[in-house]
Amino acid sequence: MASDLTGTPGNGNGAPKRPGRPDGFLPIDTNLFDRVFIAVVLFVAIHLFWMRFVEQSLSIYVATAISIVVGAIIIKRG
């Protein structure tokens, strides 16, 4: 085999093996940029929901704190 002669890891056809997917709770393969993008979209969605339905009783700062916590979880563990 060619991989035996060159010493490069492969699956027999010259292509390198892909590392296994890290375990995360998101059902798709993501990189750091994808997780940051998802966190920003959720930040905006939480704030829009908050301003429409909840802001009369609780401050928008509560929504910001919730969004930051959710975003940090998605970026770190997603």
C-alpha atoms as a PDB file:
ATOM      1  CA  MET A   1       0.000   0.000   0.000  1.00  0.00           C
ATOM      2  CA  ALA A   2       1.053   3.565  -0.637  1.00  0.00           C
ATOM      3  CA  SER A   3       0.419   4.572   2.979  1.00  0.00           C
ATOM      4  CA  ASP A   4       2.880   1.906   4.132  1.00  0.00           C
ATOM      5  CA  LEU A   5       5.608   3.304   1.900  1.00  0.00           C
ATOM      6  CA  THR A   6       5.154   6.984   2.723  1.00  0.00           C
ATOM      7  CA  GLY A   7       4.339   6.604   6.394  1.00  0.00           C
ATOM      8  CA  THR A   8       1.305   8.897   6.165  1.00  0.00           C
ATOM      9  CA  PRO A   9      -1.888   7.771   7.844  1.00  0.00           C
ATOM     10  CA  GLY A  10      -4.707   6.950   5.492  1.00  0.00           C
ATOM     11  CA  ASN A  11      -7.535   4.640   4.673  1.00  0.00           C
ATOM     12  CA  GLY A  12      -5.864   2.879   1.747  1.00  0.00           C
ATOM     13  CA  ASN A  13      -6.782   5.383  -0.972  1.00  0.00           C
ATOM     14  CA  GLY A  14      -4.397   8.164   0.008  1.00  0.00           C
ATOM     15  CA  ALA A  15      -6.990  10.268   1.867  1.00  0.00           C
ATOM     16  CA  PRO A  16      -6.103  11.145   5.449  1.00  0.00           C
ATOM     17  CA  LYS A  17      -8.393   9.912   8.181  1.00  0.00           C
ATOM     18  CA  ARG A  18     -10.737  12.505   9.638  1.00  0.00           C
ATOM     19  CA  PRO A  19     -10.656  12.840  13.386  1.00  0.00           C
ATOM     20  CA  GLY A  20     -13.828  11.754  15.164  1.00  0.00           C
ATOM     21  CA  ARG A  21     -16.555  14.294  15.742  1.00  0.00           C
ATOM     22  CA  PRO A  22     -16.342  15.796  19.218  1.00  0.00           C
ATOM     23  CA  ASP A  23     -19.332  15.101  21.387  1.00  0.00           C
ATOM     24  CA  GLY A  24     -21.632  18.082  21.581  1.00  0.00           C
ATOM     25  CA  PHE A  25     -25.338  18.574  22.003  1.00  0.00           C
ATOM     26  CA  LEU A  26     -25.874  20.284  18.631  1.00  0.00           C
ATOM     27  CA  PRO A  27     -27.124  17.760  16.050  1.00  0.00           C
ATOM     28  CA  ILE A  28     -24.803  19.085  13.304  1.00  0.00           C
ATOM     29  CA  ASP A  29     -21.059  19.236  12.734  1.00  0.00           C
ATOM     30  CA  THR A  30     -19.914  22.713  13.750  1.00  0.00           C
ATOM     31  CA  ASN A  31     -16.739  24.689  14.064  1.00  0.00           C
ATOM     32  CA  LEU A  32     -16.144  27.698  16.305  1.00  0.00           C
ATOM     33  CA  PHE A  33     -17.557  30.193  13.801  1.00  0.00           C
ATOM     34  CA  ASP A  34     -20.776  28.183  13.429  1.00  0.00           C
ATOM     35  CA  ARG A  35     -21.294  28.062  17.185  1.00  0.00           C
ATOM     36  CA  VAL A  36     -20.643  31.812  17.567  1.00  0.00           C
ATOM     37  CA  PHE A  37     -23.120  32.520  14.754  1.00  0.00           C
ATOM     38  CA  ILE A  38     -25.787  30.341  16.392  1.00  0.00           C
ATOM     39  CA  ALA A  39     -25.160  32.100  19.720  1.00  0.00           C
ATOM     40  CA  VAL A  40     -25.556  35.559  18.127  1.00  0.00           C
ATOM     41  CA  VAL A  41     -28.781  34.544  16.369  1.00  0.00           C
ATOM     42  CA  LEU A  42     -30.159  33.245  19.660  1.00  0.00           C
ATOM     43  CA  PHE A  43     -29.052  36.460  21.396  1.00  0.00           C
ATOM     44  CA  VAL A  44     -31.139  38.496  18.946  1.00  0.00           C
ATOM     45  CA  ALA A  45     -34.098  36.091  19.098  1.00  0.00           C
ATOM     46  CA  ILE A  46     -34.176  36.080  22.904  1.00  0.00           C
ATOM     47  CA  HIS A  47     -34.082  39.885  22.982  1.00  0.00           C
ATOM     48  CA  LEU A  48     -36.873  40.250  20.424  1.00  0.00           C
ATOM     49  CA  PHE A  49     -39.032  37.764  22.331  1.00  0.00           C
ATOM     50  CA  TRP A  50     -38.201  39.524  25.597  1.00  0.00           C
ATOM     51  CA  MET A  51     -39.072  42.990  24.282  1.00  0.00           C
ATOM     52  CA  ARG A  52     -42.393  41.764  22.905  1.00  0.00           C
ATOM     53  CA  PHE A  53     -43.665  39.670  25.815  1.00  0.00           C
ATOM     54  CA  VAL A  54     -41.649  40.104  29.026  1.00  0.00           C
ATOM     55  CA  GLU A  55     -40.151  43.600  29.178  1.00  0.00           C
ATOM     56  CA  GLN A  56     -43.166  45.031  30.972  1.00  0.00           C
ATOM     57  CA  SER A  57     -42.357  42.992  34.069  1.00  0.00           C
ATOM     58  CA  LEU A  58     -38.567  42.406  33.884  1.00  0.00           C
ATOM     59  CA  SER A  59     -35.715  44.538  32.612  1.00  0.00           C
ATOM     60  CA  ILE A  60     -33.934  43.824  29.332  1.00  0.00           C
ATOM     61  CA  TYR A  61     -30.758  43.260  31.365  1.00  0.00           C
ATOM     62  CA  VAL A  62     -32.187  39.928  32.497  1.00  0.00           C
ATOM     63  CA  ALA A  63     -32.530  38.893  28.844  1.00  0.00           C
ATOM     64  CA  THR A  64     -28.937  39.951  28.237  1.00  0.00           C
ATOM     65  CA  ALA A  65     -27.709  37.817  31.140  1.00  0.00           C
ATOM     66  CA  ILE A  66     -29.722  34.813  29.913  1.00  0.00           C
ATOM     67  CA  SER A  67     -28.424  35.309  26.361  1.00  0.00           C
ATOM     68  CA  ILE A  68     -24.804  35.501  27.495  1.00  0.00           C
ATOM     69  CA  VAL A  69     -25.123  32.319  29.549  1.00  0.00           C
ATOM     70  CA  VAL A  70     -26.849  30.420  26.711  1.00  0.00           C
ATOM     71  CA  GLY A  71     -24.291  31.719  24.203  1.00  0.00           C
ATOM     72  CA  ALA A  72     -21.360  30.678  26.379  1.00  0.00           C
ATOM     73  CA  ILE A  73     -22.810  27.180  26.758  1.00  0.00           C
ATOM     74  CA  ILE A  74     -23.315  26.847  23.003  1.00  0.00           C
ATOM     75  CA  ILE A  75     -19.833  28.110  22.181  1.00  0.00           C
ATOM     76  CA  LYS A  76     -18.093  25.952  24.787  1.00  0.00           C
ATOM     77  CA  ARG A  77     -20.054  22.693  24.599  1.00  0.00           C
ATOM     78  CA  GLY A  78     -21.981  22.910  21.314  1.00  0.00           C
END
